[in-house]
Amino acid sequence: MNVVEDPAPGSWRRWAIFVIGSINFMLSMFYRVSTAVISPSLVRDLGFSSTQLSDLSAVFFYAFAASQIPIGIALDRLGVRLTLAILSVSGISGVLLFALGETPNHLIFARVLLGIGVSGNLMIVLALFAAWFPVDRFGFLSGLVVAVGVLGTLVGATPLALMNLWIGWRASFLVFAVVNSIVVLAFIWVARDKPPGRASFALKSEAFPGGLAGLFGMYSYWAISLSSFVRYGYIAALQGLWATPFLIYGLGMDEIAASNVLFCLGLGYMVSLPVSGYLSDTVLRSRKQVLLASLSIFSVLAFSIIWWTQSVPHWLVVGTFFGLGCASGPGQIMYAHMKELIPPAMIARAMTAVNLFTVLGAGIMTHILGLVVGSEPSKLTCPEDFKFMWYVGGISLALACV
């Protein structure tokens, strides 16, 4: 029987890393979806067009994706604390500019800064997990930290909609700038790259043939990355922008009711994360089986929405969107899967390389759905106007299973 080594038994610091790192990632998840529920206010206050709204959502993910490979290299060479500090300057500057911007272009540029600034939040905590926790806990803990982080998408639904009504979107983002600053300072204070007396993940202890070129030559890398491109790209495009017009203009809901449905989608995502990690770690002992099952269910649910009419029961809308969240959540175990395929010296770079396609999918899918929907939001009046949006999801998710 193999005994799994614990690199930091009884350490309080690793649990502090878990808690503060999860909150930091929660802020990243909040920013990803925060433009959806305030989009009517942006149209009213700054005259955003549909194209500009699509750009506002997508540029965050493009900036996020472009940062992934440099972040992996920085984590391996500079370590966590310095990388976090550098990124946070960009992120907090982006939040402030978003709150104070006077034109659509100001806010779009702010989202670029913000995308860069929070692009390392998940990879930083996963790299720390690799150094501080036993290897057999990685799948469960990565699922748990993402589950906690997904609370940010819940905050970006009904709570943000209510804050927008009470104090306005500008004041709301100033509040988040203050909270973000406090969390970053606490994380820098508590984080250490490695337990005392241990080799850091940033120190090269084992070579990987060909470096990044060798990684990009692996079939497993592309299978994992492309399935993640589709899975996360589609759910992020829905949650970050396009589900809101579908619910408001297609199904006739008001803004708060639509926000509540998005809240349920995020809740489903959050619930499924630790469950799928536990299933893949302990019950099925297979990453692939869990991923294929979730992609298949996700595809079936997307296809089912094509036939909805405005008389669809509200409970079915809520239940289906909860199911969409549940089906998309298990994709997080791809990080555990990739971690098992490469040596410790490449962990940070390998996971950020996978994350590159994950977040790139969100930006590209947001634009693709905008193209297939076509019309300005005010011209969309029934679910039929959105049917191609669901065809794209159903077909692409089915292909990801192949």
Protein backbone atom coordinates (compact mmCIF):
# COMPACT_ATOMS: atom_id res chain seq x y z
CA MET A 1 0.00 0.00 0.00
CA ASN A 2 1.40 3.39 -1.00
CA VAL A 3 1.54 6.05 1.69
CA VAL A 4 0.89 9.56 0.38
CA GLU A 5 3.33 12.08 1.82
CA ASP A 6 1.93 15.15 3.58
CA PRO A 7 4.27 18.09 2.92
CA ALA A 8 2.94 20.28 5.76
CA PRO A 9 1.15 18.22 8.44
CA GLY A 10 -0.75 20.30 10.98
CA SER A 11 0.02 23.61 9.26
CA TRP A 12 -2.35 26.51 9.93
CA ARG A 13 -0.82 28.44 7.05
CA ARG A 14 -2.06 26.09 4.34
CA TRP A 15 -5.65 26.47 5.55
CA ALA A 16 -5.22 30.24 5.63
CA ILE A 17 -3.95 29.98 2.04
CA PHE A 18 -7.05 27.95 1.18
CA VAL A 19 -9.49 30.45 2.74
CA ILE A 20 -7.94 33.69 1.47
CA GLY A 21 -7.05 32.17 -1.91
CA SER A 22 -10.65 31.04 -2.34
CA ILE A 23 -11.95 34.54 -1.56
CA ASN A 24 -9.46 36.01 -4.01
CA PHE A 25 -10.66 33.60 -6.70
CA MET A 26 -14.26 34.44 -5.78
CA LEU A 27 -13.55 38.06 -6.75
CA SER A 28 -12.22 36.88 -10.12
CA MET A 29 -15.40 34.90 -10.74
CA PHE A 30 -17.51 37.91 -9.75
CA TYR A 31 -15.74 40.17 -12.25
CA ARG A 32 -16.21 37.60 -15.04
CA VAL A 33 -20.01 37.85 -14.89
CA SER A 34 -20.49 41.31 -13.40
CA THR A 35 -21.42 43.04 -16.67
CA ALA A 36 -24.52 40.91 -17.28
CA VAL A 37 -26.98 42.27 -14.71
CA ILE A 38 -25.81 45.90 -15.02
CA SER A 39 -25.97 45.89 -18.84
CA PRO A 40 -29.33 47.75 -18.95
CA SER A 41 -27.79 50.47 -16.76
CA LEU A 42 -24.75 50.72 -19.02
CA VAL A 43 -27.01 51.12 -22.05
CA ARG A 44 -28.99 53.83 -20.26
CA ASP A 45 -26.07 55.73 -18.67
CA LEU A 46 -23.33 55.45 -21.31
CA GLY A 47 -25.18 54.46 -24.48
CA PHE A 48 -23.65 51.02 -24.93
CA SER A 49 -24.64 49.21 -28.13
CA SER A 50 -25.05 45.43 -28.36
CA THR A 51 -21.65 45.15 -30.04
CA GLN A 52 -20.01 47.18 -27.29
CA LEU A 53 -21.68 45.05 -24.61
CA SER A 54 -20.31 41.95 -26.32
CA ASP A 55 -16.85 43.54 -26.47
CA LEU A 56 -17.09 44.56 -22.81
CA SER A 57 -17.65 40.97 -21.77
CA ALA A 58 -15.24 39.33 -24.23
CA VAL A 59 -12.15 41.55 -23.82
CA PHE A 60 -11.90 40.49 -20.19
CA PHE A 61 -11.43 36.89 -21.30
CA TYR A 62 -9.04 37.73 -24.15
CA ALA A 63 -6.80 39.66 -21.74
CA PHE A 64 -7.17 36.85 -19.21
CA ALA A 65 -6.18 34.23 -21.82
CA ALA A 66 -3.21 36.22 -23.13
CA SER A 67 -1.80 36.34 -19.59
CA GLN A 68 -1.83 32.60 -18.92
CA ILE A 69 1.53 31.47 -20.34
CA PRO A 70 3.42 34.48 -18.86
CA ILE A 71 1.76 33.79 -15.49
CA GLY A 72 2.85 30.14 -15.56
CA ILE A 73 6.44 31.21 -16.24
CA ALA A 74 6.25 33.92 -13.55
CA LEU A 75 4.92 31.47 -10.96
CA ASP A 76 7.72 29.01 -11.74
CA ARG A 77 10.46 31.67 -11.70
CA LEU A 78 9.28 34.49 -9.43
CA GLY A 79 7.02 32.62 -7.04
CA VAL A 80 3.53 33.36 -5.79
CA ARG A 81 3.81 36.53 -3.75
CA LEU A 82 5.62 38.69 -6.30
CA THR A 83 3.42 37.43 -9.14
CA LEU A 84 0.29 38.17 -7.10
CA ALA A 85 1.48 41.68 -6.21
CA ILE A 86 2.27 42.60 -9.83
CA LEU A 87 -1.05 41.32 -11.14
CA SER A 88 -3.06 42.98 -8.39
CA VAL A 89 -1.87 46.47 -9.37
CA SER A 90 -3.47 45.94 -12.79
CA GLY A 91 -6.62 44.36 -11.37
CA ILE A 92 -7.44 47.00 -8.78
CA SER A 93 -6.63 49.78 -11.27
CA GLY A 94 -9.12 48.18 -13.65
CA VAL A 95 -11.89 48.11 -11.04
CA LEU A 96 -11.34 51.78 -10.22
CA LEU A 97 -11.31 52.82 -13.88
CA PHE A 98 -14.49 50.81 -14.48
CA ALA A 99 -16.23 52.63 -11.62
CA LEU A 100 -15.07 56.07 -12.78
CA GLY A 101 -15.07 55.69 -16.59
CA GLU A 102 -17.13 58.13 -18.65
CA THR A 103 -17.34 56.37 -22.04
CA PRO A 104 -17.81 52.80 -23.29
CA ASN A 105 -14.16 52.73 -24.38
CA HIS A 106 -13.03 53.64 -20.85
CA LEU A 107 -14.95 50.70 -19.44
CA ILE A 108 -13.73 48.32 -22.15
CA PHE A 109 -10.11 49.28 -21.40
CA ALA A 110 -10.84 48.87 -17.68
CA ARG A 111 -12.01 45.32 -18.37
CA VAL A 112 -8.70 44.61 -20.14
CA LEU A 113 -6.76 45.74 -17.05
CA LEU A 114 -9.11 43.75 -14.85
CA GLY A 115 -8.77 40.61 -16.97
CA ILE A 116 -4.99 40.77 -16.67
CA GLY A 117 -5.15 41.55 -12.96
CA VAL A 118 -7.25 38.55 -11.91
CA SER A 119 -5.89 36.13 -14.52
CA GLY A 120 -3.67 34.37 -12.01
CA ASN A 121 -6.09 34.06 -9.09
CA LEU A 122 -6.93 30.39 -9.65
CA MET A 123 -3.51 29.26 -10.87
CA ILE A 124 -1.85 30.87 -7.85
CA VAL A 125 -3.94 28.95 -5.34
CA LEU A 126 -3.64 25.68 -7.31
CA ALA A 127 0.15 26.05 -7.43
CA LEU A 128 0.14 26.58 -3.66
CA PHE A 129 -2.04 23.50 -3.18
CA ALA A 130 0.53 21.48 -5.13
CA ALA A 131 3.20 22.62 -2.65
CA TRP A 132 1.26 22.52 0.63
CA PHE A 133 -1.19 19.58 0.40
CA PRO A 134 -0.87 15.81 -0.23
CA VAL A 135 -1.27 14.83 -3.87
CA ASP A 136 -4.39 12.71 -3.24
CA ARG A 137 -6.30 15.78 -1.99
CA PHE A 138 -5.64 17.91 -5.05
CA GLY A 139 -8.73 16.95 -7.06
CA PHE A 140 -11.11 17.48 -4.12
CA LEU A 141 -9.46 20.71 -2.98
CA SER A 142 -9.33 22.18 -6.49
CA GLY A 143 -13.05 21.45 -6.80
CA LEU A 144 -13.73 22.95 -3.39
CA VAL A 145 -11.80 26.15 -4.02
CA VAL A 146 -13.59 26.65 -7.33
CA ALA A 147 -16.90 25.93 -5.58
CA VAL A 148 -16.14 28.66 -3.04
CA GLY A 149 -14.97 30.90 -5.86
CA VAL A 150 -18.22 30.38 -7.74
CA LEU A 151 -19.94 32.24 -4.92
CA GLY A 152 -18.62 35.22 -6.85
CA THR A 153 -20.94 34.41 -9.75
CA LEU A 154 -23.82 34.33 -7.27
CA VAL A 155 -22.80 37.75 -5.95
CA GLY A 156 -22.69 38.91 -9.57
CA ALA A 157 -26.35 37.95 -10.05
CA THR A 158 -29.14 39.04 -7.67
CA PRO A 159 -26.93 40.75 -5.03
CA LEU A 160 -25.22 42.95 -7.64
CA ALA A 161 -28.58 43.72 -9.26
CA LEU A 162 -29.87 44.89 -5.86
CA MET A 163 -26.71 46.92 -5.17
CA ASN A 164 -27.18 48.57 -8.55
CA LEU A 165 -30.72 49.55 -7.58
CA TRP A 166 -29.68 50.85 -4.15
CA ILE A 167 -26.37 52.67 -4.72
CA GLY A 168 -25.73 52.44 -8.48
CA TRP A 169 -23.17 50.44 -10.41
CA ARG A 170 -20.35 52.97 -9.96
CA ALA A 171 -20.51 52.97 -6.16
CA SER A 172 -20.89 49.19 -6.19
CA PHE A 173 -17.59 48.74 -8.01
CA LEU A 174 -15.83 51.20 -5.70
CA VAL A 175 -16.91 48.97 -2.82
CA PHE A 176 -15.44 45.95 -4.60
CA ALA A 177 -12.17 47.83 -5.21
CA VAL A 178 -11.78 48.33 -1.45
CA VAL A 179 -12.65 44.70 -0.68
CA ASN A 180 -10.24 43.49 -3.36
CA SER A 181 -7.38 45.55 -1.91
CA ILE A 182 -7.91 44.11 1.57
CA VAL A 183 -8.01 40.52 0.29
CA VAL A 184 -4.83 40.93 -1.78
CA LEU A 185 -2.88 42.41 1.13
CA ALA A 186 -4.01 39.56 3.40
CA PHE A 187 -3.05 36.95 0.79
CA ILE A 188 0.42 38.43 0.27
CA TRP A 189 0.92 38.45 4.05
CA VAL A 190 -0.08 34.80 4.59
CA ALA A 191 1.17 33.06 1.43
CA ARG A 192 4.52 31.27 1.21
CA ASP A 193 5.70 29.47 -1.91
CA LYS A 194 6.49 26.27 0.00
CA PRO A 195 6.39 24.71 3.47
CA PRO A 196 9.57 25.12 5.56
CA GLY A 197 12.28 22.74 4.43
CA ARG A 198 10.51 21.73 1.21
CA ALA A 199 11.53 22.28 -2.40
CA SER A 200 9.38 24.92 -4.09
CA PHE A 201 7.28 24.13 -7.12
CA ALA A 202 9.13 27.04 -8.68
CA LEU A 203 12.47 25.21 -8.49
CA LYS A 204 13.22 22.94 -11.41
CA SER A 205 13.68 19.48 -9.95
CA GLU A 206 12.59 17.41 -12.92
CA ALA A 207 12.84 18.06 -16.62
CA PHE A 208 9.98 17.79 -19.07
CA PRO A 209 11.05 16.78 -22.59
CA GLY A 210 10.89 19.81 -24.86
CA GLY A 211 9.50 22.15 -22.20
CA LEU A 212 6.32 23.89 -23.37
CA ALA A 213 6.85 22.52 -26.88
CA GLY A 214 6.76 19.02 -25.41
CA LEU A 215 3.58 19.86 -23.51
CA PHE A 216 1.91 21.20 -26.66
CA GLY A 217 2.87 17.99 -28.45
CA MET A 218 0.83 15.84 -26.06
CA TYR A 219 -2.51 14.53 -27.33
CA SER A 220 -3.87 14.63 -23.77
CA TYR A 221 -3.11 18.35 -23.52
CA TRP A 222 -5.20 19.14 -26.59
CA ALA A 223 -8.05 16.80 -25.63
CA ILE A 224 -8.30 18.40 -22.19
CA SER A 225 -7.82 21.97 -23.44
CA LEU A 226 -10.30 21.84 -26.32
CA SER A 227 -13.04 20.21 -24.24
CA SER A 228 -12.48 22.93 -21.65
CA PHE A 229 -12.60 25.58 -24.40
CA VAL A 230 -16.11 24.45 -25.31
CA ARG A 231 -17.45 23.65 -21.84
CA TYR A 232 -16.31 26.75 -19.96
CA GLY A 233 -16.52 29.00 -23.00
CA TYR A 234 -20.20 28.23 -23.45
CA ILE A 235 -21.24 28.50 -19.81
CA ALA A 236 -19.25 31.73 -19.38
CA ALA A 237 -20.84 33.26 -22.50
CA LEU A 238 -24.28 32.43 -21.10
CA GLN A 239 -23.60 33.48 -17.53
CA GLY A 240 -21.52 36.53 -18.41
CA LEU A 241 -23.88 38.01 -21.01
CA TRP A 242 -26.25 36.05 -23.26
CA ALA A 243 -28.48 34.25 -20.75
CA THR A 244 -29.76 37.63 -19.53
CA PRO A 245 -31.16 38.80 -22.92
CA PHE A 246 -32.65 35.32 -23.43
CA LEU A 247 -34.45 35.44 -20.08
CA ILE A 248 -35.54 39.10 -20.34
CA TYR A 249 -36.33 39.49 -24.05
CA GLY A 250 -36.98 35.86 -24.98
CA LEU A 251 -38.99 34.70 -21.96
CA GLY A 252 -40.28 38.10 -20.79
CA MET A 253 -38.77 38.13 -17.29
CA ASP A 254 -37.89 41.29 -15.40
CA GLU A 255 -34.28 42.02 -14.39
CA ILE A 256 -34.53 40.66 -10.84
CA ALA A 257 -36.29 37.45 -11.96
CA ALA A 258 -33.60 36.90 -14.62
CA SER A 259 -30.90 37.52 -12.00
CA ASN A 260 -32.50 34.90 -9.76
CA VAL A 261 -32.33 32.31 -12.58
CA LEU A 262 -28.65 33.14 -13.11
CA PHE A 263 -28.19 32.74 -9.36
CA CYS A 264 -29.55 29.19 -9.66
CA LEU A 265 -27.19 28.45 -12.55
CA GLY A 266 -24.24 29.55 -10.41
CA LEU A 267 -25.56 27.54 -7.47
CA GLY A 268 -25.66 24.39 -9.61
CA TYR A 269 -22.09 25.02 -10.74
CA MET A 270 -20.96 25.49 -7.16
CA VAL A 271 -22.68 22.36 -5.84
CA SER A 272 -21.25 20.12 -8.56
CA LEU A 273 -17.61 21.15 -8.09
CA PRO A 274 -16.66 19.31 -4.86
CA VAL A 275 -19.00 16.43 -5.73
CA SER A 276 -17.31 15.83 -9.07
CA GLY A 277 -13.88 16.11 -7.48
CA TYR A 278 -14.83 13.52 -4.88
CA LEU A 279 -16.28 11.18 -7.53
CA SER A 280 -13.18 11.37 -9.69
CA ASP A 281 -10.75 11.08 -6.75
CA THR A 282 -12.44 8.40 -4.67
CA VAL A 283 -15.53 6.71 -6.15
CA LEU A 284 -14.96 6.26 -9.90
CA ARG A 285 -11.22 7.00 -9.79
CA SER A 286 -11.53 8.29 -13.33
CA ARG A 287 -11.37 11.87 -14.54
CA LYS A 288 -12.48 10.90 -18.05
CA GLN A 289 -15.74 9.18 -17.07
CA VAL A 290 -16.89 12.14 -14.98
CA LEU A 291 -16.00 14.64 -17.73
CA LEU A 292 -17.74 12.69 -20.51
CA ALA A 293 -20.91 12.27 -18.45
CA SER A 294 -21.08 15.98 -17.62
CA LEU A 295 -20.45 17.08 -21.22
CA SER A 296 -23.19 14.74 -22.48
CA ILE A 297 -25.75 16.04 -19.97
CA PHE A 298 -24.76 19.64 -20.75
CA SER A 299 -25.33 19.02 -24.48
CA VAL A 300 -28.75 17.41 -23.93
CA LEU A 301 -29.93 20.31 -21.74
CA ALA A 302 -28.82 22.90 -24.32
CA PHE A 303 -30.71 21.07 -27.08
CA SER A 304 -33.84 20.84 -24.89
CA ILE A 305 -34.10 24.65 -24.57
CA ILE A 306 -34.45 25.04 -28.36
CA TRP A 307 -38.13 24.02 -28.14
CA TRP A 308 -39.11 26.36 -25.31
CA THR A 309 -41.89 28.91 -25.75
CA GLN A 310 -42.79 31.89 -23.57
CA SER A 311 -45.30 29.68 -21.74
CA VAL A 312 -42.55 27.39 -20.42
CA PRO A 313 -43.15 26.79 -16.67
CA HIS A 314 -40.94 28.87 -14.41
CA TRP A 315 -39.91 25.81 -12.39
CA LEU A 316 -38.60 24.21 -15.60
CA VAL A 317 -36.52 27.29 -16.42
CA VAL A 318 -35.02 27.35 -12.92
CA GLY A 319 -34.42 23.59 -12.89
CA THR A 320 -32.84 23.54 -16.34
CA PHE A 321 -30.49 26.42 -15.59
CA PHE A 322 -29.54 24.76 -12.30
CA GLY A 323 -28.82 21.63 -14.36
CA LEU A 324 -26.68 23.61 -16.81
CA GLY A 325 -24.58 24.78 -13.88
CA CYS A 326 -24.28 21.25 -12.47
CA ALA A 327 -23.23 19.84 -15.85
CA SER A 328 -20.54 22.47 -16.43
CA GLY A 329 -18.96 22.26 -12.97
CA PRO A 330 -17.09 18.92 -13.31
CA GLY A 331 -14.82 20.45 -15.95
CA GLN A 332 -12.60 21.76 -13.14
CA ILE A 333 -11.12 18.27 -12.64
CA MET A 334 -9.16 18.81 -15.86
CA TYR A 335 -6.56 20.55 -13.67
CA ALA A 336 -6.16 17.44 -11.55
CA HIS A 337 -6.01 15.34 -14.74
CA MET A 338 -3.28 17.49 -16.27
CA LYS A 339 -1.35 17.59 -13.00
CA GLU A 340 -1.13 13.79 -13.05
CA LEU A 341 0.39 13.77 -16.55
CA ILE A 342 3.36 16.07 -16.05
CA PRO A 343 6.33 16.37 -13.61
CA PRO A 344 6.29 18.81 -10.67
CA ALA A 345 8.63 21.29 -12.39
CA MET A 346 5.97 22.00 -15.05
CA ILE A 347 2.84 22.11 -12.86
CA ALA A 348 2.26 25.86 -12.96
CA ARG A 349 3.01 26.21 -16.67
CA ALA A 350 0.93 23.17 -17.62
CA MET A 351 -2.14 24.33 -15.70
CA THR A 352 -1.91 27.87 -17.06
CA ALA A 353 -1.52 26.42 -20.57
CA VAL A 354 -4.81 24.55 -20.09
CA ASN A 355 -6.37 27.66 -18.59
CA LEU A 356 -5.32 29.58 -21.71
CA PHE A 357 -7.88 27.68 -23.79
CA THR A 358 -10.44 27.68 -20.99
CA VAL A 359 -10.74 31.45 -20.80
CA LEU A 360 -10.07 32.00 -24.51
CA GLY A 361 -13.18 29.91 -25.10
CA ALA A 362 -15.21 32.34 -23.01
CA GLY A 363 -14.23 35.31 -25.15
CA ILE A 364 -14.69 33.53 -28.49
CA MET A 365 -17.98 31.88 -27.48
CA THR A 366 -19.35 35.25 -26.34
CA HIS A 367 -18.70 36.68 -29.80
CA ILE A 368 -19.98 33.56 -31.59
CA LEU A 369 -23.28 33.68 -29.70
CA GLY A 370 -23.54 37.37 -30.53
CA LEU A 371 -23.15 36.56 -34.22
CA VAL A 372 -25.74 33.78 -34.27
CA VAL A 373 -28.28 35.80 -32.26
CA GLY A 374 -27.68 38.72 -34.61
CA SER A 375 -30.33 41.31 -33.75
CA GLU A 376 -30.20 44.14 -31.25
CA PRO A 377 -31.63 43.02 -27.87
CA SER A 378 -34.70 45.23 -28.25
CA LYS A 379 -35.64 43.37 -31.45
CA LEU A 380 -35.58 39.95 -29.77
CA THR A 381 -39.07 39.10 -28.59
CA CYS A 382 -39.39 35.31 -28.16
CA PRO A 383 -37.30 32.18 -27.41
CA GLU A 384 -37.30 31.32 -31.13
CA ASP A 385 -35.04 34.32 -31.75
CA PHE A 386 -32.34 32.67 -29.61
CA LYS A 387 -32.57 29.09 -30.91
CA PHE A 388 -29.25 29.14 -32.78
CA MET A 389 -27.52 30.09 -29.53
CA TRP A 390 -28.64 26.75 -28.09
CA TYR A 391 -27.80 24.84 -31.27
CA VAL A 392 -24.22 26.12 -31.00
CA GLY A 393 -23.97 24.86 -27.43
CA GLY A 394 -25.60 21.49 -28.01
CA ILE A 395 -23.53 20.65 -31.09
CA SER A 396 -20.18 21.88 -29.78
CA LEU A 397 -20.60 20.09 -26.43
CA ALA A 398 -21.54 16.87 -28.22
CA LEU A 399 -18.42 17.16 -30.39
CA ALA A 400 -16.29 17.71 -27.27
CA CYS A 401 -17.30 14.22 -26.12
CA VAL A 402 -15.74 12.58 -29.19
